[in-house]
Amino acid sequence: MTDIIISNLDDDLKYRLQKRAEKNGRSLEDEAREILYITLAENNEDSLNLVTLIEQRFANFGDFELPEIAREPIRTISIFEE
């Protein structure tokens, strides 16, 4: 098995990864390995984009259009002076 090193990892990303690892009872390395495994184990040939997923989710409703919602003009910002 090959080792990899990830340089210049954003501090916030590393922090979130560490918190996720703690939550799942894993080491930082094990958590990163699990994320890579889950992400790369998916069948990329059948991957769908968000638009396709939304279309499939609402396909059973048939053809319909949402009515246009009338909007008011943008209001001016209130300035509170003493």
Protein backbone atom coordinates (compact mmCIF):
# COMPACT_ATOMS: atom_id res chain seq x y z
CA MET A 1 0.00 0.00 0.00
CA THR A 2 1.25 3.48 -0.84
CA ASP A 3 1.40 6.44 1.53
CA ILE A 4 0.28 9.87 0.41
CA ILE A 5 0.98 13.28 1.88
CA ILE A 6 -1.43 16.17 1.48
CA SER A 7 0.37 19.49 1.75
CA ASN A 8 -1.09 22.94 2.32
CA LEU A 9 -4.35 21.66 3.77
CA ASP A 10 -6.55 24.53 4.92
CA ASP A 11 -6.65 24.79 8.74
CA ASP A 12 -10.45 24.93 8.79
CA LEU A 13 -10.70 21.82 6.63
CA LYS A 14 -8.26 19.96 8.85
CA TYR A 15 -10.23 21.05 11.93
CA ARG A 16 -13.52 19.83 10.43
CA LEU A 17 -11.90 16.54 9.41
CA GLN A 18 -10.56 16.10 12.94
CA LYS A 19 -13.99 16.80 14.46
CA ARG A 20 -15.61 14.33 12.07
CA ALA A 21 -12.99 11.71 12.96
CA GLU A 22 -13.61 12.22 16.68
CA LYS A 23 -17.38 11.97 16.15
CA ASN A 24 -16.92 8.66 14.29
CA GLY A 25 -14.31 7.29 16.72
CA ARG A 26 -11.54 7.21 14.12
CA SER A 27 -8.11 8.67 13.72
CA LEU A 28 -7.60 11.55 11.31
CA GLU A 29 -5.94 9.19 8.85
CA ASP A 30 -8.71 6.58 9.11
CA GLU A 31 -11.38 9.22 8.58
CA ALA A 32 -9.65 10.57 5.47
CA ARG A 33 -9.30 7.00 4.17
CA GLU A 34 -13.01 6.33 4.78
CA ILE A 35 -14.04 9.52 2.96
CA LEU A 36 -11.84 8.63 -0.01
CA TYR A 37 -13.16 5.08 -0.07
CA ILE A 38 -16.82 6.14 0.03
CA THR A 39 -16.30 8.84 -2.59
CA LEU A 40 -14.26 6.76 -5.02
CA ALA A 41 -16.19 3.51 -4.56
CA GLU A 42 -19.27 5.04 -6.17
CA ASN A 43 -19.89 4.03 -9.75
CA ASN A 44 -18.95 7.18 -11.65
CA GLU A 45 -20.52 5.95 -14.89
CA ASP A 46 -23.98 6.14 -13.34
CA SER A 47 -23.40 9.40 -11.47
CA LEU A 48 -26.14 11.97 -11.86
CA ASN A 49 -26.02 15.70 -11.63
CA LEU A 50 -28.28 17.73 -9.38
CA VAL A 51 -30.70 18.69 -12.16
CA THR A 52 -31.22 15.04 -13.10
CA LEU A 53 -31.80 14.08 -9.46
CA ILE A 54 -34.41 16.83 -9.06
CA GLU A 55 -36.14 15.80 -12.29
CA GLN A 56 -36.31 12.19 -11.12
CA ARG A 57 -37.59 13.19 -7.68
CA PHE A 58 -40.52 15.16 -9.06
CA ALA A 59 -41.20 13.13 -12.23
CA ASN A 60 -44.34 11.51 -10.81
CA PHE A 61 -46.07 14.90 -10.53
CA GLY A 62 -46.39 15.17 -14.32
CA ASP A 63 -46.04 18.33 -16.34
CA PHE A 64 -46.88 21.50 -14.49
CA GLU A 65 -45.52 24.97 -14.16
CA LEU A 66 -45.22 26.94 -11.00
CA PRO A 67 -47.06 30.24 -11.10
CA GLU A 68 -44.92 33.34 -11.25
CA ILE A 69 -44.86 35.15 -7.95
CA ALA A 70 -45.38 38.90 -8.17
CA ARG A 71 -42.65 40.76 -6.36
CA GLU A 72 -42.50 44.19 -4.88
CA PRO A 73 -39.69 46.56 -5.75
CA ILE A 74 -36.69 46.44 -3.46
CA ARG A 75 -37.24 48.65 -0.46
CA THR A 76 -34.84 51.38 0.46
CA ILE A 77 -32.60 50.79 3.42
CA SER A 78 -33.76 52.46 6.62
CA ILE A 79 -31.22 54.79 8.16
CA PHE A 80 -31.65 55.30 11.86
CA GLU A 81 -30.11 58.56 12.98
CA GLU A 82 -30.03 59.83 16.49
